[in-house]
N, C-alpha and C. Protein backbone atom coordinates (compact mmCIF):
# COMPACT_ATOMS: atom_id res chain seq x y z
N MET A 1 123.65 119.88 164.28
CA MET A 1 124.01 118.79 163.24
C MET A 1 123.06 117.28 163.86
N SER A 2 122.20 117.27 163.29
CA SER A 2 121.28 116.12 163.40
C SER A 2 121.91 114.64 163.03
N ASP A 3 122.16 113.58 163.95
CA ASP A 3 122.32 112.26 163.44
C ASP A 3 121.12 111.47 163.18
N ALA A 4 120.08 112.10 162.78
CA ALA A 4 118.97 111.27 162.58
C ALA A 4 119.05 110.52 161.20
N PHE A 5 118.57 109.40 161.19
CA PHE A 5 118.92 108.78 159.84
C PHE A 5 117.75 108.93 158.88
N VAL A 6 118.24 109.45 157.46
CA VAL A 6 117.26 109.78 156.65
C VAL A 6 117.20 109.15 155.66
N PRO A 7 116.35 108.01 155.25
CA PRO A 7 116.62 106.78 154.16
C PRO A 7 116.47 107.63 152.83
N THR A 8 117.27 106.74 151.83
CA THR A 8 117.24 107.54 150.41
C THR A 8 115.95 106.77 149.83
N HIS A 9 115.71 107.53 148.69
CA HIS A 9 114.24 106.92 147.80
C HIS A 9 114.52 105.33 147.93
N GLU A 10 115.28 104.82 147.31
CA GLU A 10 115.82 103.47 146.94
C GLU A 10 115.44 102.51 148.19
N GLN A 11 115.95 102.93 149.48
CA GLN A 11 115.94 102.38 150.66
C GLN A 11 114.37 102.20 151.14
N LEU A 12 113.61 103.39 151.03
CA LEU A 12 112.15 103.51 151.13
C LEU A 12 111.45 102.70 150.27
N ALA A 13 111.91 102.73 149.05
CA ALA A 13 111.10 101.71 147.94
C ALA A 13 111.19 100.14 148.60
N LYS A 14 112.49 99.69 148.74
CA LYS A 14 113.03 98.46 148.98
C LYS A 14 112.14 98.27 150.33
N ARG A 15 111.93 98.85 151.41
CA ARG A 15 111.20 98.80 152.79
C ARG A 15 109.72 98.53 152.07
N TRP A 16 109.17 99.38 151.35
CA TRP A 16 107.69 99.50 151.07
C TRP A 16 107.63 98.13 150.04
N ARG A 17 108.65 97.52 149.38
CA ARG A 17 108.29 96.40 148.55
C ARG A 17 108.23 95.47 149.54
N ASP A 18 108.90 95.19 150.64
CA ASP A 18 108.79 94.08 151.58
C ASP A 18 107.52 94.18 152.23
N LEU A 19 107.23 95.30 152.89
CA LEU A 19 106.05 95.64 153.39
C LEU A 19 104.72 95.43 152.47
N ARG A 20 104.69 95.66 151.40
CA ARG A 20 103.68 95.54 150.31
C ARG A 20 103.40 94.01 150.29
N GLU A 21 104.37 93.23 150.14
CA GLU A 21 104.57 91.79 149.74
C GLU A 21 103.62 91.24 151.37
N MET A 22 104.20 91.66 152.27
CA MET A 22 103.41 91.40 153.44
C MET A 22 101.91 91.32 153.68
N LEU A 23 101.40 92.83 153.29
CA LEU A 23 100.18 93.20 153.10
C LEU A 23 99.32 92.47 152.33
N ILE A 24 99.78 92.33 150.94
CA ILE A 24 98.98 91.36 150.05
C ILE A 24 98.95 90.02 150.49
N GLN A 25 99.76 89.38 151.22
CA GLN A 25 99.70 88.08 151.78
C GLN A 25 98.33 88.09 152.90
N GLN A 26 98.53 89.04 153.55
CA GLN A 26 97.26 89.13 154.49
C GLN A 26 96.07 89.59 153.83
N LEU A 27 96.05 90.32 153.05
CA LEU A 27 94.86 90.57 152.01
C LEU A 27 94.45 89.51 151.49
N ASP A 28 95.16 88.31 150.84
CA ASP A 28 94.74 87.05 150.31
C ASP A 28 94.18 86.28 151.56
N MET A 29 94.84 86.38 152.69
CA MET A 29 94.31 85.42 153.70
C MET A 29 92.79 86.07 154.01
N PHE A 30 92.49 87.64 153.97
CA PHE A 30 91.27 87.92 154.29
C PHE A 30 90.33 87.23 153.34
N GLU A 31 90.87 87.65 151.94
CA GLU A 31 89.81 87.21 150.85
C GLU A 31 89.58 85.62 150.71
N THR A 32 90.39 84.74 151.46
CA THR A 32 89.98 83.36 151.32
C THR A 32 89.13 82.83 152.39
N GLY A 33 89.39 83.82 153.58
CA GLY A 33 88.72 83.39 154.83
C GLY A 33 89.51 82.72 155.89
N ALA A 34 90.58 82.57 155.36
CA ALA A 34 91.59 81.96 156.17
C ALA A 34 91.86 83.03 157.61
N LEU A 35 91.62 84.34 157.35
CA LEU A 35 91.81 85.30 158.33
C LEU A 35 90.64 86.38 158.50
N THR A 36 90.41 86.66 159.73
CA THR A 36 89.01 87.39 159.87
C THR A 36 89.29 88.40 161.08
N LEU A 37 88.46 89.31 160.76
CA LEU A 37 88.74 90.67 161.60
C LEU A 37 87.74 90.75 162.43
N ARG A 38 87.52 90.80 163.51
CA ARG A 38 86.20 91.00 164.41
C ARG A 38 86.16 92.09 165.41
N SER A 39 85.20 92.86 165.53
CA SER A 39 85.20 93.81 166.24
C SER A 39 83.91 94.16 167.03
N ASN A 40 83.88 93.63 168.32
CA ASN A 40 82.39 93.50 169.04
C ASN A 40 81.58 92.74 168.36
N ASP A 41 82.42 91.24 168.35
CA ASP A 41 81.66 90.21 167.61
C ASP A 41 81.12 90.36 166.02
N VAL A 42 81.54 91.34 165.39
CA VAL A 42 81.09 91.72 164.08
C VAL A 42 82.35 91.60 163.24
N ASN A 43 82.32 90.65 162.08
CA ASN A 43 82.97 90.32 161.23
C ASN A 43 83.19 91.61 160.19
N VAL A 44 84.35 92.45 160.56
CA VAL A 44 84.76 93.65 159.72
C VAL A 44 85.92 93.43 158.51
N SER A 45 85.94 92.20 158.11
CA SER A 45 87.06 91.76 157.05
C SER A 45 86.67 92.36 156.02
N GLU A 46 85.67 92.47 155.55
CA GLU A 46 85.23 93.50 154.27
C GLU A 46 85.92 94.75 154.20
N ALA A 47 85.41 95.23 155.43
CA ALA A 47 85.86 96.73 155.72
C ALA A 47 87.77 96.55 155.72
N ALA A 48 88.22 95.61 156.37
CA ALA A 48 89.77 95.66 156.20
C ALA A 48 90.18 95.18 154.93
N ILE A 49 89.71 94.44 154.14
CA ILE A 49 89.91 94.37 152.70
C ILE A 49 90.34 95.45 152.02
N ALA A 50 89.07 96.43 151.97
CA ALA A 50 89.00 97.34 151.20
C ALA A 50 90.14 98.62 152.03
N ASP A 51 90.32 98.34 153.17
CA ASP A 51 91.42 99.46 153.53
C ASP A 51 92.70 99.15 153.13
N LEU A 52 92.86 97.75 153.24
CA LEU A 52 94.35 97.21 152.91
C LEU A 52 94.53 97.75 151.36
N LYS A 53 93.52 97.65 150.46
CA LYS A 53 93.78 97.56 149.22
C LYS A 53 94.09 99.12 148.94
N ARG A 54 92.97 99.87 149.55
CA ARG A 54 93.28 101.29 149.18
C ARG A 54 94.64 101.97 149.64
N SER A 55 95.05 101.35 150.95
CA SER A 55 96.47 101.71 151.42
C SER A 55 97.52 101.56 150.61
N ILE A 56 97.42 100.10 149.82
CA ILE A 56 98.60 99.67 149.07
C ILE A 56 98.64 100.74 147.86
N LEU A 57 97.45 100.70 147.39
CA LEU A 57 97.23 101.63 146.20
C LEU A 57 97.83 103.10 146.44
N ASP A 58 97.29 103.62 147.56
CA ASP A 58 98.03 104.91 147.91
C ASP A 58 99.49 104.93 147.95
N PHE A 59 100.11 104.00 148.62
CA PHE A 59 101.51 104.32 148.99
C PHE A 59 102.25 103.90 147.63
N ASP A 60 101.53 102.87 147.01
CA ASP A 60 102.14 102.77 145.67
C ASP A 60 102.65 103.99 144.87
N ALA A 61 101.41 105.06 144.90
CA ALA A 61 101.32 105.99 144.21
C ALA A 61 102.57 106.87 144.47
N LEU A 62 102.45 107.19 146.12
CA LEU A 62 103.84 107.89 146.59
C LEU A 62 105.07 107.55 146.53
N ILE A 63 105.36 106.45 146.23
CA ILE A 63 106.56 105.58 146.04
C ILE A 63 106.86 106.08 144.80
N SER A 64 106.10 105.55 144.01
CA SER A 64 106.42 105.87 142.53
C SER A 64 106.49 107.36 141.88
N GLY A 65 106.12 108.24 143.00
CA GLY A 65 106.23 109.46 142.62
C GLY A 65 107.77 110.10 143.11
N GLY A 66 108.30 109.32 143.80
CA GLY A 66 109.98 109.67 143.90
C GLY A 66 109.88 110.78 145.00
N SER A 67 108.91 111.39 145.60
CA SER A 67 108.87 112.17 146.43
C SER A 67 109.32 111.68 148.05
């Protein structure tokens, strides 16, 4: 018998809502230019914005599926 914690769907959805809010705040900062992401002196913020948007939508779909 395992003592590993297995969260319920409701707990996962709550955690996702909290994380989603933080990601959207970060996304807003990228879009306004208040936050930039650089790699090898290249501004990669545009790619970070696209990745954040895609990740948010992907996980929204996963959570709403209830699985």
